[in-house]
Amino acid sequence: MKIIKKNRIFKVGNNIKLNNVADIYLKSNELITLKDKKKEFDITKKSWGYYATPSIDKRLNKNGYLTAIIKNKDTKNIFVVLVDKNKKKLFLKYIKKENIKVLKWLYE
């Protein structure tokens, strides 16, 4: 694994600023775990690509995340998102403001 620290701020959506803090380069069969308080999820590099999340129906659910496929109505871009179960109302407010549609909740 190689980590290159960054400090680049840029705008996305309706006046949202993101701060790119690092690039992480993984080799095949390496895994990183991203943590937020008591919640976590993994990204695993494989020779054929990536496991972008742990199992949606078990580990993500156990760690308090709901998974959805969303589409930006303006740009037509499609994303997979992990929504904190305790912050679903905040997420719904966000997607309304950003003109985003939930195509499918993957936990249903």
Protein backbone atom coordinates (compact mmCIF):
# COMPACT_ATOMS: atom_id res chain seq x y z
CA MET A 1 0.00 0.00 0.00
CA LYS A 2 1.14 3.51 -0.82
CA ILE A 3 -0.44 6.67 0.62
CA ILE A 4 0.10 10.08 -0.93
CA LYS A 5 -1.22 12.91 1.25
CA LYS A 6 -3.13 15.68 -0.52
CA ASN A 7 -4.78 18.95 0.37
CA ARG A 8 -7.01 19.87 -2.56
CA ILE A 9 -10.40 21.50 -2.06
CA PHE A 10 -12.96 21.56 -4.86
CA LYS A 11 -16.68 22.19 -5.41
CA VAL A 12 -19.29 19.63 -6.39
CA GLY A 13 -23.06 19.83 -6.70
CA ASN A 14 -24.82 22.87 -5.30
CA ASN A 15 -21.95 24.60 -3.52
CA ILE A 16 -20.56 21.57 -1.66
CA LYS A 17 -16.82 21.64 -0.94
CA LEU A 18 -14.81 18.41 -0.78
CA ASN A 19 -11.31 18.13 0.63
CA ASN A 20 -9.18 15.47 -1.07
CA VAL A 21 -6.82 14.45 1.76
CA ALA A 22 -5.02 11.40 0.30
CA ASP A 23 -4.63 8.95 -2.55
CA ILE A 24 -4.23 5.31 -1.53
CA TYR A 25 -2.74 2.76 -3.90
CA LEU A 26 -3.50 -0.87 -3.04
CA LYS A 27 -2.00 -4.08 -4.39
CA SER A 28 -4.15 -7.15 -5.11
CA ASN A 29 -5.64 -8.71 -1.97
CA GLU A 30 -4.97 -5.65 0.18
CA LEU A 31 -7.82 -4.21 2.22
CA ILE A 32 -8.38 -0.86 3.91
CA THR A 33 -11.02 -0.22 6.57
CA LEU A 34 -12.60 3.22 6.83
CA LYS A 35 -13.93 4.01 10.29
CA ASP A 36 -16.24 6.60 11.78
CA LYS A 37 -16.73 6.25 15.54
CA LYS A 38 -18.13 2.71 15.90
CA LYS A 39 -19.02 2.17 12.23
CA GLU A 40 -16.74 0.86 9.51
CA PHE A 41 -16.57 -0.47 5.97
CA ASP A 42 -13.89 -2.06 3.84
CA ILE A 43 -12.51 -1.65 0.34
CA THR A 44 -10.55 -4.61 -1.04
CA LYS A 45 -8.32 -4.60 -4.14
CA LYS A 46 -8.48 -7.75 -6.27
CA SER A 47 -6.59 -8.65 -9.46
CA TRP A 48 -9.84 -8.12 -11.42
CA GLY A 49 -10.92 -4.86 -9.70
CA TYR A 50 -12.37 -4.03 -6.25
CA TYR A 51 -14.86 -5.07 -3.66
CA ALA A 52 -16.10 -1.54 -3.04
CA THR A 53 -18.01 -2.46 0.13
CA PRO A 54 -18.40 -5.34 2.57
CA SER A 55 -21.52 -7.48 2.21
CA ILE A 56 -24.53 -5.20 1.88
CA ASP A 57 -26.96 -7.51 3.63
CA LYS A 58 -24.73 -8.44 6.58
CA ARG A 59 -21.68 -6.33 7.53
CA LEU A 60 -22.88 -2.96 6.26
CA ASN A 61 -26.26 -3.50 7.86
CA LYS A 62 -24.58 -4.63 11.11
CA ASN A 63 -22.45 -1.46 11.06
CA GLY A 64 -25.52 0.74 10.66
CA TYR A 65 -25.46 1.53 6.95
CA LEU A 66 -28.17 1.38 4.30
CA THR A 67 -27.04 0.98 0.69
CA ALA A 68 -28.65 2.68 -2.29
CA ILE A 69 -28.08 3.32 -5.97
CA ILE A 70 -28.77 6.96 -6.81
CA LYS A 71 -28.81 9.06 -9.97
CA ASN A 72 -28.14 12.77 -10.35
CA LYS A 73 -31.04 14.03 -12.47
CA ASP A 74 -28.96 16.87 -13.95
CA THR A 75 -25.72 15.09 -14.88
CA LYS A 76 -27.27 11.59 -15.23
CA ASN A 77 -24.34 10.19 -13.16
CA ILE A 78 -25.09 7.08 -11.09
CA PHE A 79 -23.56 6.38 -7.66
CA VAL A 80 -23.65 3.75 -4.92
CA VAL A 81 -24.01 5.36 -1.50
CA LEU A 82 -23.88 4.17 2.09
CA VAL A 83 -26.36 6.00 4.32
CA ASP A 84 -26.08 6.01 8.11
CA LYS A 85 -29.33 4.44 9.35
CA ASN A 86 -29.64 7.19 11.97
CA LYS A 87 -29.27 9.93 9.34
CA LYS A 88 -31.67 8.78 6.63
CA LYS A 89 -33.82 11.95 6.98
CA LEU A 90 -30.71 14.10 6.48
CA PHE A 91 -29.82 12.04 3.38
CA LEU A 92 -33.34 12.47 1.94
CA LYS A 93 -33.10 16.24 2.47
CA TYR A 94 -29.67 16.23 0.75
CA ILE A 95 -30.83 14.33 -2.35
CA LYS A 96 -33.84 16.63 -2.74
CA LYS A 97 -31.59 19.70 -2.61
CA GLU A 98 -29.06 18.17 -5.05
CA ASN A 99 -31.73 16.94 -7.51
CA ILE A 100 -30.88 13.28 -6.98
CA LYS A 101 -33.20 10.28 -7.29
CA VAL A 102 -32.91 6.97 -5.43
CA LEU A 103 -33.03 4.29 -8.11
CA LYS A 104 -32.98 1.39 -5.66
CA TRP A 105 -32.47 0.76 -1.96
CA LEU A 106 -30.38 -2.42 -1.83
CA TYR A 107 -31.46 -3.51 1.63
CA GLU A 108 -35.14 -3.96 0.70
